[in-house]
Amino acid sequence: MVERKQDYFRVPITMPSNMVSFLENLGIECKKSGGHKIANTMIVRSAIRLLMDLDLDISGIKSEEELEDRIKEAAKRY
């Protein structure tokens, strides 16, 4: 299935400045290494696609830190 831009939804998210800086720098580093600058939204969509592929157990999670640990565990198994 081909996705079109008009099929996308705008999703406001909040994050600390160090995460925003990381996204910006990651996108810029792509360009410095011979590619194109990657948009923040493209990086986030790619990360979400990866999460969709993981066998992620989210049962009983009560904190962001716990979710991060579960994601790391699932990534190791991937």
Protein backbone atom coordinates (compact mmCIF):
# COMPACT_ATOMS: atom_id res chain seq x y z
CA MET A 1 0.00 0.00 0.00
CA VAL A 2 1.38 3.38 -1.02
CA GLU A 3 0.93 6.12 1.55
CA ARG A 4 0.20 9.62 0.38
CA LYS A 5 0.93 12.78 2.33
CA GLN A 6 -2.80 13.55 2.56
CA ASP A 7 -3.23 10.23 4.42
CA TYR A 8 -0.96 11.47 7.23
CA PHE A 9 -2.19 12.94 10.51
CA ARG A 10 -0.43 15.69 12.41
CA VAL A 11 0.41 14.45 15.90
CA PRO A 12 1.74 16.98 18.40
CA ILE A 13 4.37 15.50 20.69
CA THR A 14 6.45 17.03 23.42
CA MET A 15 10.01 16.10 24.32
CA PRO A 16 12.95 17.62 26.17
CA SER A 17 15.37 19.85 24.29
CA ASN A 18 18.14 17.24 24.30
CA MET A 19 15.91 14.86 22.31
CA VAL A 20 15.02 17.59 19.83
CA SER A 21 18.73 18.39 19.43
CA PHE A 22 19.46 14.69 18.89
CA LEU A 23 16.86 14.48 16.11
CA GLU A 24 18.19 17.64 14.44
CA ASN A 25 21.79 16.44 14.65
CA LEU A 26 20.89 13.00 13.33
CA GLY A 27 19.23 14.56 10.31
CA ILE A 28 22.16 16.89 9.69
CA GLU A 29 24.69 14.05 10.08
CA CYS A 30 22.94 12.19 7.25
CA LYS A 31 23.66 15.13 4.95
CA LYS A 32 27.28 15.48 6.13
CA SER A 33 27.92 11.82 5.34
CA GLY A 34 26.83 12.16 1.73
CA GLY A 35 23.07 11.72 1.92
CA HIS A 36 20.24 14.19 2.33
CA LYS A 37 19.12 15.92 5.51
CA ILE A 38 16.49 13.69 7.07
CA ALA A 39 13.45 15.44 8.53
CA ASN A 40 12.56 14.88 12.20
CA THR A 41 9.20 13.44 11.18
CA MET A 42 10.92 10.92 8.92
CA ILE A 43 13.14 9.77 11.79
CA VAL A 44 10.18 9.44 14.17
CA ARG A 45 8.10 7.53 11.58
CA SER A 46 11.01 5.12 11.02
CA ALA A 47 11.37 4.56 14.77
CA ILE A 48 7.64 3.83 15.05
CA ARG A 49 7.83 1.36 12.15
CA LEU A 50 10.60 -0.43 14.03
CA LEU A 51 8.43 -0.56 17.17
CA MET A 52 5.62 -2.04 15.08
CA ASP A 53 7.96 -4.87 14.01
CA LEU A 54 9.15 -5.69 17.53
CA ASP A 55 7.47 -8.30 19.70
CA LEU A 56 6.91 -5.74 22.44
CA ASP A 57 5.34 -6.80 25.74
CA ILE A 58 3.61 -3.72 27.16
CA SER A 59 1.61 -5.47 29.87
CA GLY A 60 1.74 -3.81 33.26
CA ILE A 61 3.96 -0.90 32.25
CA LYS A 62 3.61 2.09 34.58
CA SER A 63 6.41 4.46 33.54
CA GLU A 64 8.33 5.78 30.56
CA GLU A 65 11.50 4.20 31.94
CA GLU A 66 9.84 0.80 32.16
CA LEU A 67 8.61 1.15 28.57
CA GLU A 68 12.14 2.05 27.45
CA ASP A 69 13.50 -1.08 29.17
CA ARG A 70 10.90 -3.26 27.46
CA ILE A 71 11.72 -1.74 24.08
CA LYS A 72 15.42 -2.46 24.63
CA GLU A 73 14.63 -6.06 25.58
CA ALA A 74 12.48 -6.53 22.48
CA ALA A 75 15.18 -4.97 20.28
CA LYS A 76 17.77 -7.44 21.62
CA ARG A 77 15.47 -10.31 20.65
CA TYR A 78 14.79 -8.80 17.21
